[in-house]
Amino acid sequence: MFSHIHPLILPLGFFFFINSFIGVVGNAIMLICFFKNKRLRSPCHILISLTCISDLLHLCAQFVYCVHLFGNSTFQILTVFQSNPNSFPVTSSQAQCFYMLIIPLYGVGASGPLILAMGIDRLIAVKLPTKYRLFQQEPKHYIFGQLVFPIVYTLVLLYYGFHYRIVDDKLQIACAVPLALMGTPFQFFTYSSALIYFLVVIVYGIVYYLLKSNQASARFKSVFRSIMVTVGFVLFGWVTTTLTNTLSYEITDVAFTAQLMQMYAGITVNFAAASNVFIFYAINSEYREVIKALFGCKSKANTPAFEASSTMVTVSSTSQIQKRKLTMASIN
């Protein structure tokens, strides 16, 4: 049945299909939680939901790849070749691949900038809690400001993909995300993603340090911890993929071996995109209670979901003590 598929490629096809199916359902559940629970309408949760949408779109690209993989009658996985296109029932030109994946590419491009935006949101909430509450009074303006960079970056990426697309029908490929952004666009995406995730590490590191010295509600810490674990999976995935893509051609001169290494390295990125619902269910009690309610399970009214807002951060204990001393002095 799958004799035309290389035995080392076949497990990847099954993984990408199953992982993408689970990821699409899981991210859809996260979005349902957002719409079902009014307490999940804060700017932070809006950014979390937008990240889930981007991951969902990213995972949808793998279904196109699976159709190409399991529909091909000869082995031609992720390899550009010149041939008679009529000989292969499920292939596409590079331009056609770009058009087919243009919506998933929105998710691919926006994912990193949205993770950075979540980190900036948490940094503002911790460092400038008073101003953050003021921003929440006009959440539309605040969210729009946070989305400027993700939108601009994604549009630039898509422009590069459109400008450098290859319309030659003699060049047939099995459509996948890297090939939809072939050449210069993929280089731009790789290098810019490295810079974005470098900034992500800095921003989240600062937030983590500030949370160590500041007091925050249990709900705030739970949300941030969930985001941190998600970011950790994503960072591990992109670091693994980037290093493998860079070193694969240095390790071997065989094109197939290099491409095989790159494809297996992509497992971590796709796994991270599908893990959102599991991470938030395991760590964040608020999401856990909403998800349980969706499936008819009873929720507990004494969980942190009913504690202070996830945006609530108080000043450090030292400053609180100083305020108390000043209050006592004024009374005396």
C-alpha atoms as a PDB file:
ATOM      1  CA  MET A   1       0.000   0.000   0.000  1.00  0.00           C
ATOM      2  CA  PHE A   2       2.823   2.401   0.874  1.00  0.00           C
ATOM      3  CA  SER A   3       5.518   0.698  -1.155  1.00  0.00           C
ATOM      4  CA  HIS A   4       6.243   3.915  -3.043  1.00  0.00           C
ATOM      5  CA  ILE A   5       7.191   5.700   0.216  1.00  0.00           C
ATOM      6  CA  HIS A   6      10.685   5.339   1.617  1.00  0.00           C
ATOM      7  CA  PRO A   7      10.563   3.400   4.945  1.00  0.00           C
ATOM      8  CA  LEU A   8      12.329   6.247   6.775  1.00  0.00           C
ATOM      9  CA  ILE A   9       9.770   8.751   5.488  1.00  0.00           C
ATOM     10  CA  LEU A  10       6.646   6.731   6.263  1.00  0.00           C
ATOM     11  CA  PRO A  11       6.765   7.265  10.083  1.00  0.00           C
ATOM     12  CA  LEU A  12       7.055  11.012   9.490  1.00  0.00           C
ATOM     13  CA  GLY A  13       3.907  11.008   7.394  1.00  0.00           C
ATOM     14  CA  PHE A  14       1.920   9.262  10.117  1.00  0.00           C
ATOM     15  CA  PHE A  15       3.363  11.535  12.817  1.00  0.00           C
ATOM     16  CA  PHE A  16       2.590  14.758  10.956  1.00  0.00           C
ATOM     17  CA  PHE A  17      -0.969  13.637  10.205  1.00  0.00           C
ATOM     18  CA  ILE A  18      -1.788  12.418  13.727  1.00  0.00           C
ATOM     19  CA  ASN A  19       0.031  15.282  15.452  1.00  0.00           C
ATOM     20  CA  SER A  20      -1.658  17.870  13.233  1.00  0.00           C
ATOM     21  CA  PHE A  21      -5.094  16.365  13.830  1.00  0.00           C
ATOM     22  CA  ILE A  22      -4.570  16.398  17.607  1.00  0.00           C
ATOM     23  CA  GLY A  23      -3.112  19.896  17.448  1.00  0.00           C
ATOM     24  CA  VAL A  24      -5.977  21.332  15.417  1.00  0.00           C
ATOM     25  CA  VAL A  25      -8.534  19.862  17.835  1.00  0.00           C
ATOM     26  CA  GLY A  26      -6.519  20.980  20.869  1.00  0.00           C
ATOM     27  CA  ASN A  27      -6.056  24.549  19.679  1.00  0.00           C
ATOM     28  CA  ALA A  28      -9.741  24.674  18.743  1.00  0.00           C
ATOM     29  CA  ILE A  29     -10.560  23.693  22.341  1.00  0.00           C
ATOM     30  CA  MET A  30      -8.379  26.567  23.572  1.00  0.00           C
ATOM     31  CA  LEU A  31     -10.362  28.964  21.381  1.00  0.00           C
ATOM     32  CA  ILE A  32     -13.672  27.575  22.640  1.00  0.00           C
ATOM     33  CA  CYS A  33     -12.450  28.197  26.203  1.00  0.00           C
ATOM     34  CA  PHE A  34     -11.729  31.798  25.254  1.00  0.00           C
ATOM     35  CA  PHE A  35     -15.241  32.371  23.930  1.00  0.00           C
ATOM     36  CA  LYS A  36     -16.991  30.393  26.682  1.00  0.00           C
ATOM     37  CA  ASN A  37     -15.388  32.044  29.713  1.00  0.00           C
ATOM     38  CA  LYS A  38     -15.557  35.818  30.138  1.00  0.00           C
ATOM     39  CA  ARG A  39     -12.616  35.702  32.538  1.00  0.00           C
ATOM     40  CA  LEU A  40     -10.445  34.673  29.587  1.00  0.00           C
ATOM     41  CA  ARG A  41     -11.077  37.914  27.678  1.00  0.00           C
ATOM     42  CA  SER A  42      -8.150  39.890  29.101  1.00  0.00           C
ATOM     43  CA  PRO A  43      -5.431  41.154  26.692  1.00  0.00           C
ATOM     44  CA  CYS A  44      -3.113  38.380  27.825  1.00  0.00           C
ATOM     45  CA  HIS A  45      -5.666  35.690  27.037  1.00  0.00           C
ATOM     46  CA  ILE A  46      -6.460  37.339  23.716  1.00  0.00           C
ATOM     47  CA  LEU A  47      -2.778  37.032  22.783  1.00  0.00           C
ATOM     48  CA  ILE A  48      -2.770  33.414  23.957  1.00  0.00           C
ATOM     49  CA  SER A  49      -5.810  32.697  21.771  1.00  0.00           C
ATOM     50  CA  LEU A  50      -4.219  34.386  18.759  1.00  0.00           C
ATOM     51  CA  THR A  51      -1.120  32.252  19.268  1.00  0.00           C
ATOM     52  CA  CYS A  52      -3.344  29.164  19.288  1.00  0.00           C
ATOM     53  CA  ILE A  53      -4.886  30.317  16.002  1.00  0.00           C
ATOM     54  CA  SER A  54      -1.429  30.735  14.452  1.00  0.00           C
ATOM     55  CA  ASP A  55      -0.393  27.261  15.642  1.00  0.00           C
ATOM     56  CA  LEU A  56      -3.638  25.796  14.294  1.00  0.00           C
ATOM     57  CA  LEU A  57      -2.996  27.345  10.871  1.00  0.00           C
ATOM     58  CA  HIS A  58       0.616  26.131  10.948  1.00  0.00           C
ATOM     59  CA  LEU A  59      -0.499  22.565  11.634  1.00  0.00           C
ATOM     60  CA  CYS A  60      -3.019  22.673   8.788  1.00  0.00           C
ATOM     61  CA  ALA A  61      -0.089  22.928   6.361  1.00  0.00           C
ATOM     62  CA  GLN A  62       0.908  19.373   7.260  1.00  0.00           C
ATOM     63  CA  PHE A  63      -2.331  18.006   5.819  1.00  0.00           C
ATOM     64  CA  VAL A  64      -1.289  19.328   2.407  1.00  0.00           C
ATOM     65  CA  TYR A  65       2.075  17.652   2.845  1.00  0.00           C
ATOM     66  CA  CYS A  66       0.425  14.356   3.818  1.00  0.00           C
ATOM     67  CA  VAL A  67      -1.749  14.430   0.694  1.00  0.00           C
ATOM     68  CA  HIS A  68       1.368  14.881  -1.412  1.00  0.00           C
ATOM     69  CA  LEU A  69       3.214  12.175   0.510  1.00  0.00           C
ATOM     70  CA  PHE A  70       0.585   9.438   0.540  1.00  0.00           C
ATOM     71  CA  GLY A  71      -0.757  10.344  -2.894  1.00  0.00           C
ATOM     72  CA  ASN A  72       2.530  10.172  -4.765  1.00  0.00           C
ATOM     73  CA  SER A  73       3.268   7.084  -6.824  1.00  0.00           C
ATOM     74  CA  THR A  74       7.044   7.535  -6.688  1.00  0.00           C
ATOM     75  CA  PHE A  75       9.475   8.692  -4.038  1.00  0.00           C
ATOM     76  CA  GLN A  76       9.976  12.457  -4.309  1.00  0.00           C
ATOM     77  CA  ILE A  77       9.703  13.852  -0.821  1.00  0.00           C
ATOM     78  CA  LEU A  78      10.805  17.442  -0.256  1.00  0.00           C
ATOM     79  CA  THR A  79      13.027  17.315  -3.339  1.00  0.00           C
ATOM     80  CA  VAL A  80      12.862  19.702  -6.260  1.00  0.00           C
ATOM     81  CA  PHE A  81      13.261  17.905  -9.571  1.00  0.00           C
ATOM     82  CA  GLN A  82      12.691  18.388 -13.268  1.00  0.00           C
ATOM     83  CA  SER A  83      10.273  15.941 -14.836  1.00  0.00           C
ATOM     84  CA  ASN A  84       7.057  15.560 -16.733  1.00  0.00           C
ATOM     85  CA  PRO A  85       4.428  16.722 -14.210  1.00  0.00           C
ATOM     86  CA  ASN A  86       1.872  14.344 -15.706  1.00  0.00           C
ATOM     87  CA  SER A  87       3.926  11.398 -14.419  1.00  0.00           C
ATOM     88  CA  PHE A  88       3.165  12.246 -10.820  1.00  0.00           C
ATOM     89  CA  PRO A  89      -0.480  12.572  -9.730  1.00  0.00           C
ATOM     90  CA  VAL A  90       0.088  14.641  -6.566  1.00  0.00           C
ATOM     91  CA  THR A  91       2.752  17.300  -7.019  1.00  0.00           C
ATOM     92  CA  SER A  92       2.717  21.020  -7.507  1.00  0.00           C
ATOM     93  CA  SER A  93       4.910  23.798  -8.722  1.00  0.00           C
ATOM     94  CA  GLN A  94       6.580  25.934  -6.094  1.00  0.00           C
ATOM     95  CA  ALA A  95       4.217  28.808  -6.856  1.00  0.00           C
ATOM     96  CA  GLN A  96       1.193  26.523  -6.497  1.00  0.00           C
ATOM     97  CA  CYS A  97       2.582  25.294  -3.177  1.00  0.00           C
ATOM     98  CA  PHE A  98       2.879  28.884  -1.950  1.00  0.00           C
ATOM     99  CA  TYR A  99      -0.724  29.617  -2.919  1.00  0.00           C
ATOM    100  CA  MET A 100      -2.002  26.433  -1.258  1.00  0.00           C
ATOM    101  CA  LEU A 101      -0.201  27.240   1.986  1.00  0.00           C
ATOM    102  CA  ILE A 102      -0.703  30.992   2.031  1.00  0.00           C
ATOM    103  CA  ILE A 103      -3.204  30.820   4.917  1.00  0.00           C
ATOM    104  CA  PRO A 104      -1.085  28.392   7.001  1.00  0.00           C
ATOM    105  CA  LEU A 105       1.889  30.672   6.309  1.00  0.00           C
ATOM    106  CA  TYR A 106       0.060  33.413   8.197  1.00  0.00           C
ATOM    107  CA  GLY A 107       0.276  31.149  11.232  1.00  0.00           C
ATOM    108  CA  VAL A 108       3.884  30.199  10.579  1.00  0.00           C
ATOM    109  CA  GLY A 109       4.924  33.841  10.323  1.00  0.00           C
ATOM    110  CA  ALA A 110       2.884  35.222  13.220  1.00  0.00           C
ATOM    111  CA  SER A 111       3.754  32.567  15.808  1.00  0.00           C
ATOM    112  CA  GLY A 112       7.135  33.951  16.913  1.00  0.00           C
ATOM    113  CA  PRO A 113       6.077  37.626  17.036  1.00  0.00           C
ATOM    114  CA  LEU A 114       2.947  36.679  19.013  1.00  0.00           C
ATOM    115  CA  ILE A 115       5.036  34.809  21.579  1.00  0.00           C
ATOM    116  CA  LEU A 116       7.208  37.920  21.870  1.00  0.00           C
ATOM    117  CA  ALA A 117       4.066  40.045  22.262  1.00  0.00           C
ATOM    118  CA  MET A 118       2.870  37.806  25.115  1.00  0.00           C
ATOM    119  CA  GLY A 119       6.204  38.275  26.829  1.00  0.00           C
ATOM    120  CA  ILE A 120       6.021  42.061  26.442  1.00  0.00           C
ATOM    121  CA  ASP A 121       2.479  41.968  27.815  1.00  0.00           C
ATOM    122  CA  ARG A 122       3.629  40.085  30.910  1.00  0.00           C
ATOM    123  CA  LEU A 123       6.600  42.438  31.296  1.00  0.00           C
ATOM    124  CA  ILE A 124       4.342  45.490  31.288  1.00  0.00           C
ATOM    125  CA  ALA A 125       1.982  43.804  33.745  1.00  0.00           C
ATOM    126  CA  VAL A 126       4.824  43.084  36.169  1.00  0.00           C
ATOM    127  CA  LYS A 127       6.922  46.224  35.744  1.00  0.00           C
ATOM    128  CA  LEU A 128       4.159  48.788  35.226  1.00  0.00           C
ATOM    129  CA  PRO A 129       1.016  47.347  36.844  1.00  0.00           C
ATOM    130  CA  THR A 130      -0.725  50.719  37.213  1.00  0.00           C
ATOM    131  CA  LYS A 131      -0.237  51.647  33.565  1.00  0.00           C
ATOM    132  CA  TYR A 132      -1.212  48.123  32.561  1.00  0.00           C
ATOM    133  CA  ARG A 133      -4.574  48.568  34.254  1.00  0.00           C
ATOM    134  CA  LEU A 134      -5.002  51.831  32.343  1.00  0.00           C
ATOM    135  CA  PHE A 135      -4.191  50.030  29.106  1.00  0.00           C
ATOM    136  CA  GLN A 136      -6.899  47.512  29.902  1.00  0.00           C
ATOM    137  CA  GLN A 137      -9.458  50.297  29.983  1.00  0.00           C
ATOM    138  CA  GLU A 138      -8.868  50.638  26.232  1.00  0.00           C
ATOM    139  CA  PRO A 139      -8.060  47.007  25.364  1.00  0.00           C
ATOM    140  CA  LYS A 140      -8.710  47.425  21.650  1.00  0.00           C
ATOM    141  CA  HIS A 141      -5.995  50.062  21.323  1.00  0.00           C
ATOM    142  CA  TYR A 142      -3.609  48.053  23.474  1.00  0.00           C
ATOM    143  CA  ILE A 143      -4.148  44.826  21.527  1.00  0.00           C
ATOM    144  CA  PHE A 144      -3.777  46.664  18.229  1.00  0.00           C
ATOM    145  CA  GLY A 145      -0.469  48.087  19.429  1.00  0.00           C
ATOM    146  CA  GLN A 146       0.721  44.612  20.390  1.00  0.00           C
ATOM    147  CA  LEU A 147      -0.310  43.203  17.003  1.00  0.00           C
ATOM    148  CA  VAL A 148       1.460  45.789  14.845  1.00  0.00           C
ATOM    149  CA  PHE A 149       4.740  43.872  14.721  1.00  0.00           C
ATOM    150  CA  PRO A 150       3.209  40.394  14.163  1.00  0.00           C
ATOM    151  CA  ILE A 151       1.046  41.760  11.332  1.00  0.00           C
ATOM    152  CA  VAL A 152       3.850  43.715   9.642  1.00  0.00           C
ATOM    153  CA  TYR A 153       6.329  40.840   9.980  1.00  0.00           C
ATOM    154  CA  THR A 154       3.887  38.305   8.534  1.00  0.00           C
ATOM    155  CA  LEU A 155       3.004  40.564   5.599  1.00  0.00           C
ATOM    156  CA  VAL A 156       6.698  41.099   4.830  1.00  0.00           C
ATOM    157  CA  LEU A 157       7.289  37.344   4.946  1.00  0.00           C
ATOM    158  CA  LEU A 158       4.372  36.700   2.590  1.00  0.00           C
ATOM    159  CA  TYR A 159       5.571  39.445   0.259  1.00  0.00           C
ATOM    160  CA  TYR A 160       8.980  37.769   0.053  1.00  0.00           C
ATOM    161  CA  GLY A 161       7.298  34.425  -0.589  1.00  0.00           C
ATOM    162  CA  PHE A 162       5.140  35.887  -3.353  1.00  0.00           C
ATOM    163  CA  HIS A 163       7.968  37.887  -4.938  1.00  0.00           C
ATOM    164  CA  TYR A 164      10.383  34.940  -5.097  1.00  0.00           C
ATOM    165  CA  ARG A 165       7.864  32.238  -6.019  1.00  0.00           C
ATOM    166  CA  ILE A 166       8.837  29.964  -8.909  1.00  0.00           C
ATOM    167  CA  VAL A 167       6.137  29.672 -11.552  1.00  0.00           C
ATOM    168  CA  ASP A 168       7.944  27.121 -13.728  1.00  0.00           C
ATOM    169  CA  ASP A 169       5.611  24.099 -13.895  1.00  0.00           C
ATOM    170  CA  LYS A 170       8.551  21.873 -14.842  1.00  0.00           C
ATOM    171  CA  LEU A 171       9.861  22.216 -11.313  1.00  0.00           C
ATOM    172  CA  GLN A 172       7.567  19.940  -9.326  1.00  0.00           C
ATOM    173  CA  ILE A 173       7.680  19.466  -5.547  1.00  0.00           C
ATOM    174  CA  ALA A 174       5.867  17.683  -2.755  1.00  0.00           C
ATOM    175  CA  CYS A 175       4.407  20.731  -1.033  1.00  0.00           C
ATOM    176  CA  ALA A 176       5.613  21.551   2.499  1.00  0.00           C
ATOM    177  CA  VAL A 177       6.203  24.745   4.483  1.00  0.00           C
ATOM    178  CA  PRO A 178       9.960  25.073   3.784  1.00  0.00           C
ATOM    179  CA  LEU A 179       9.382  24.698   0.044  1.00  0.00           C
ATOM    180  CA  ALA A 180       6.528  27.212   0.034  1.00  0.00           C
ATOM    181  CA  LEU A 181       9.148  29.730   1.189  1.00  0.00           C
ATOM    182  CA  MET A 182      11.978  28.451  -0.946  1.00  0.00           C
ATOM    183  CA  GLY A 183      15.262  30.310  -1.177  1.00  0.00           C
ATOM    184  CA  THR A 184      15.474  33.937  -0.027  1.00  0.00           C
ATOM    185  CA  PRO A 185      12.103  33.963   1.819  1.00  0.00           C
ATOM    186  CA  PHE A 186      13.076  30.903   3.867  1.00  0.00           C
ATOM    187  CA  GLN A 187      16.472  32.438   4.691  1.00  0.00           C
ATOM    188  CA  PHE A 188      14.735  35.621   5.810  1.00  0.00           C
ATOM    189  CA  PHE A 189      12.340  33.575   7.920  1.00  0.00           C
ATOM    190  CA  THR A 190      15.139  31.518   9.499  1.00  0.00           C
ATOM    191  CA  TYR A 191      17.400  34.438  10.424  1.00  0.00           C
ATOM    192  CA  SER A 192      14.583  36.735  11.561  1.00  0.00           C
ATOM    193  CA  SER A 193      13.092  33.936  13.670  1.00  0.00           C
ATOM    194  CA  ALA A 194      16.461  33.463  15.362  1.00  0.00           C
ATOM    195  CA  LEU A 195      16.497  37.170  16.256  1.00  0.00           C
ATOM    196  CA  ILE A 196      12.878  37.114  17.466  1.00  0.00           C
ATOM    197  CA  TYR A 197      13.424  34.107  19.722  1.00  0.00           C
ATOM    198  CA  PHE A 198      16.612  35.669  21.074  1.00  0.00           C
ATOM    199  CA  LEU A 199      14.470  38.638  22.149  1.00  0.00           C
ATOM    200  CA  VAL A 200      11.901  36.189  23.536  1.00  0.00           C
ATOM    201  CA  VAL A 201      14.536  34.657  25.810  1.00  0.00           C
ATOM    202  CA  ILE A 202      15.569  38.100  27.084  1.00  0.00           C
ATOM    203  CA  VAL A 203      12.018  39.339  27.703  1.00  0.00           C
ATOM    204  CA  TYR A 204      10.809  36.184  29.439  1.00  0.00           C
ATOM    205  CA  GLY A 205      14.008  36.043  31.475  1.00  0.00           C
ATOM    206  CA  ILE A 206      13.381  39.578  32.741  1.00  0.00           C
ATOM    207  CA  VAL A 207       9.766  38.736  33.608  1.00  0.00           C
ATOM    208  CA  TYR A 208      10.862  35.623  35.477  1.00  0.00           C
ATOM    209  CA  TYR A 209      13.418  37.631  37.457  1.00  0.00           C
ATOM    210  CA  LEU A 210      10.874  40.333  38.319  1.00  0.00           C
ATOM    211  CA  LEU A 211       8.338  37.751  39.468  1.00  0.00           C
ATOM    212  CA  LYS A 212      10.919  36.415  41.881  1.00  0.00           C
ATOM    213  CA  SER A 213      11.145  39.804  43.612  1.00  0.00           C
ATOM    214  CA  ASN A 214       7.512  40.928  43.216  1.00  0.00           C
ATOM    215  CA  GLN A 215       4.304  39.549  44.624  1.00  0.00           C
ATOM    216  CA  ALA A 216       1.715  38.416  42.105  1.00  0.00           C
ATOM    217  CA  SER A 217      -1.588  36.610  42.299  1.00  0.00           C
ATOM    218  CA  ALA A 218      -1.603  32.831  41.980  1.00  0.00           C
ATOM    219  CA  ARG A 219      -3.601  33.226  38.786  1.00  0.00           C
ATOM    220  CA  PHE A 220      -0.996  35.543  37.269  1.00  0.00           C
ATOM    221  CA  LYS A 221       1.810  33.125  38.077  1.00  0.00           C
ATOM    222  CA  SER A 222      -0.196  30.189  36.746  1.00  0.00           C
ATOM    223  CA  VAL A 223      -0.805  31.909  33.418  1.00  0.00           C
ATOM    224  CA  PHE A 224       2.837  32.951  33.112  1.00  0.00           C
ATOM    225  CA  ARG A 225       4.056  29.464  34.035  1.00  0.00           C
ATOM    226  CA  SER A 226       1.830  27.972  31.325  1.00  0.00           C
ATOM    227  CA  ILE A 227       3.166  30.447  28.783  1.00  0.00           C
ATOM    228  CA  MET A 228       6.754  29.756  29.884  1.00  0.00           C
ATOM    229  CA  VAL A 229       6.394  26.003  29.379  1.00  0.00           C
ATOM    230  CA  THR A 230       4.824  26.574  25.951  1.00  0.00           C
ATOM    231  CA  VAL A 231       7.629  28.961  24.995  1.00  0.00           C
ATOM    232  CA  GLY A 232      10.173  26.410  26.222  1.00  0.00           C
ATOM    233  CA  PHE A 233       8.750  23.772  23.861  1.00  0.00           C
ATOM    234  CA  VAL A 234       8.718  26.244  20.976  1.00  0.00           C
ATOM    235  CA  LEU A 235      12.275  27.448  21.638  1.00  0.00           C
ATOM    236  CA  PHE A 236      13.550  23.886  21.843  1.00  0.00           C
ATOM    237  CA  GLY A 237      11.776  23.093  18.592  1.00  0.00           C
ATOM    238  CA  TRP A 238      13.124  26.060  16.667  1.00  0.00           C
ATOM    239  CA  VAL A 239      16.665  25.704  18.047  1.00  0.00           C
ATOM    240  CA  THR A 240      16.697  22.023  17.094  1.00  0.00           C
ATOM    241  CA  THR A 241      15.303  22.714  13.637  1.00  0.00           C
ATOM    242  CA  THR A 242      17.592  25.673  12.929  1.00  0.00           C
ATOM    243  CA  LEU A 243      20.741  23.870  14.056  1.00  0.00           C
ATOM    244  CA  THR A 244      19.823  20.767  12.083  1.00  0.00           C
ATOM    245  CA  ASN A 245      19.039  22.772   8.950  1.00  0.00           C
ATOM    246  CA  THR A 246      22.356  24.575   9.281  1.00  0.00           C
ATOM    247  CA  LEU A 247      24.518  21.546  10.073  1.00  0.00           C
ATOM    248  CA  SER A 248      22.846  18.911   7.915  1.00  0.00           C
ATOM    249  CA  TYR A 249      24.764  19.803   4.768  1.00  0.00           C
ATOM    250  CA  GLU A 250      28.007  19.983   6.761  1.00  0.00           C
ATOM    251  CA  ILE A 251      27.498  16.515   8.198  1.00  0.00           C
ATOM    252  CA  THR A 252      26.681  14.752   4.939  1.00  0.00           C
ATOM    253  CA  ASP A 253      27.034  15.331   1.212  1.00  0.00           C
ATOM    254  CA  VAL A 254      24.029  13.148   0.421  1.00  0.00           C
ATOM    255  CA  ALA A 255      21.033  15.398  -0.299  1.00  0.00           C
ATOM    256  CA  PHE A 256      18.488  12.804   0.804  1.00  0.00           C
ATOM    257  CA  THR A 257      20.210  12.267   4.164  1.00  0.00           C
ATOM    258  CA  ALA A 258      20.357  16.013   4.783  1.00  0.00           C
ATOM    259  CA  GLN A 259      16.680  16.433   3.914  1.00  0.00           C
ATOM    260  CA  LEU A 260      15.763  13.477   6.118  1.00  0.00           C
ATOM    261  CA  MET A 261      17.576  15.090   9.062  1.00  0.00           C
ATOM    262  CA  GLN A 262      15.720  18.353   8.478  1.00  0.00           C
ATOM    263  CA  MET A 263      12.354  16.602   8.284  1.00  0.00           C
ATOM    264  CA  TYR A 264      12.872  14.737  11.554  1.00  0.00           C
ATOM    265  CA  ALA A 265      14.053  17.963  13.205  1.00  0.00           C
ATOM    266  CA  GLY A 266      10.686  19.482  12.277  1.00  0.00           C
ATOM    267  CA  ILE A 267       8.987  17.076  14.679  1.00  0.00           C
ATOM    268  CA  THR A 268       9.817  19.294  17.664  1.00  0.00           C
ATOM    269  CA  VAL A 269       8.292  22.432  16.133  1.00  0.00           C
ATOM    270  CA  ASN A 270       5.085  20.665  15.158  1.00  0.00           C
ATOM    271  CA  PHE A 271       4.857  18.931  18.531  1.00  0.00           C
ATOM    272  CA  ALA A 272       5.158  22.299  20.269  1.00  0.00           C
ATOM    273  CA  ALA A 273       2.380  23.767  18.105  1.00  0.00           C
ATOM    274  CA  ALA A 274       0.086  20.886  19.101  1.00  0.00           C
ATOM    275  CA  SER A 275       0.872  20.963  22.834  1.00  0.00           C
ATOM    276  CA  ASN A 276      -0.919  24.153  23.925  1.00  0.00           C
ATOM    277  CA  VAL A 277      -4.081  22.563  25.286  1.00  0.00           C
ATOM    278  CA  PHE A 278      -2.174  19.884  27.189  1.00  0.00           C
ATOM    279  CA  ILE A 279       0.189  22.388  28.816  1.00  0.00           C
ATOM    280  CA  PHE A 280      -2.547  24.795  29.870  1.00  0.00           C
ATOM    281  CA  TYR A 281      -4.732  21.941  31.102  1.00  0.00           C
ATOM    282  CA  ALA A 282      -1.909  20.513  33.216  1.00  0.00           C
ATOM    283  CA  ILE A 283      -0.615  23.804  34.672  1.00  0.00           C
ATOM    284  CA  ASN A 284      -3.383  26.390  34.527  1.00  0.00           C
ATOM    285  CA  SER A 285      -6.337  25.508  36.762  1.00  0.00           C
ATOM    286  CA  GLU A 286      -8.588  28.076  35.092  1.00  0.00           C
ATOM    287  CA  TYR A 287      -8.265  26.542  31.651  1.00  0.00           C
ATOM    288  CA  ARG A 288      -8.515  23.102  33.225  1.00  0.00           C
ATOM    289  CA  GLU A 289     -11.874  23.903  34.822  1.00  0.00           C
ATOM    290  CA  VAL A 290     -13.258  25.374  31.607  1.00  0.00           C
ATOM    291  CA  ILE A 291     -12.098  22.358  29.586  1.00  0.00           C
ATOM    292  CA  LYS A 292     -13.654  20.004  32.133  1.00  0.00           C
ATOM    293  CA  ALA A 293     -16.901  21.946  31.878  1.00  0.00           C
ATOM    294  CA  LEU A 294     -16.829  21.587  28.087  1.00  0.00           C
ATOM    295  CA  PHE A 295     -16.790  17.813  28.484  1.00  0.00           C
ATOM    296  CA  GLY A 296     -19.437  17.750  31.199  1.00  0.00           C
ATOM    297  CA  CYS A 297     -17.133  17.337  34.188  1.00  0.00           C
ATOM    298  CA  LYS A 298     -17.865  19.181  37.420  1.00  0.00           C
ATOM    299  CA  SER A 299     -15.621  22.128  38.254  1.00  0.00           C
ATOM    300  CA  LYS A 300     -14.411  23.158  41.676  1.00  0.00           C
ATOM    301  CA  ALA A 301     -15.382  26.607  42.867  1.00  0.00           C
ATOM    302  CA  ASN A 302     -12.345  26.968  45.119  1.00  0.00           C
ATOM    303  CA  THR A 303      -9.685  26.779  42.461  1.00  0.00           C
ATOM    304  CA  PRO A 304      -7.327  29.641  41.490  1.00  0.00           C
ATOM    305  CA  ALA A 305      -9.689  30.292  38.587  1.00  0.00           C
ATOM    306  CA  PHE A 306     -11.755  32.263  41.069  1.00  0.00           C
ATOM    307  CA  GLU A 307      -8.804  34.141  42.541  1.00  0.00           C
ATOM    308  CA  ALA A 308      -7.446  37.532  41.653  1.00  0.00           C
ATOM    309  CA  SER A 309      -7.115  38.522  38.041  1.00  0.00           C
ATOM    310  CA  SER A 310      -4.257  37.208  35.933  1.00  0.00           C
ATOM    311  CA  THR A 311      -3.274  40.812  35.326  1.00  0.00           C
ATOM    312  CA  MET A 312      -2.979  41.628  39.010  1.00  0.00           C
ATOM    313  CA  VAL A 313       0.537  42.256  40.227  1.00  0.00           C
ATOM    314  CA  THR A 314       1.359  44.002  43.452  1.00  0.00           C
ATOM    315  CA  VAL A 315       4.505  45.849  44.325  1.00  0.00           C
ATOM    316  CA  SER A 316       7.356  44.129  46.095  1.00  0.00           C
ATOM    317  CA  SER A 317       7.088  43.237  49.746  1.00  0.00           C
ATOM    318  CA  THR A 318       9.858  45.708  50.603  1.00  0.00           C
ATOM    319  CA  SER A 319       7.946  48.648  49.181  1.00  0.00           C
ATOM    320  CA  GLN A 320       4.810  47.458  50.961  1.00  0.00           C
ATOM    321  CA  ILE A 321       6.632  47.471  54.295  1.00  0.00           C
ATOM    322  CA  GLN A 322       7.886  50.977  53.605  1.00  0.00           C
ATOM    323  CA  LYS A 323       4.356  52.148  52.866  1.00  0.00           C
ATOM    324  CA  ARG A 324       3.131  50.627  56.109  1.00  0.00           C
ATOM    325  CA  LYS A 325       5.851  52.395  58.070  1.00  0.00           C
ATOM    326  CA  LEU A 326       4.928  55.730  56.496  1.00  0.00           C
ATOM    327  CA  THR A 327       1.296  55.091  57.345  1.00  0.00           C
ATOM    328  CA  MET A 328       2.110  54.297  60.971  1.00  0.00           C
ATOM    329  CA  ALA A 329       4.313  57.405  61.204  1.00  0.00           C
ATOM    330  CA  SER A 330       1.534  59.622  59.889  1.00  0.00           C
ATOM    331  CA  ILE A 331      -0.895  58.121  62.447  1.00  0.00           C
ATOM    332  CA  ASN A 332       1.503  58.738  65.316  1.00  0.00           C
END
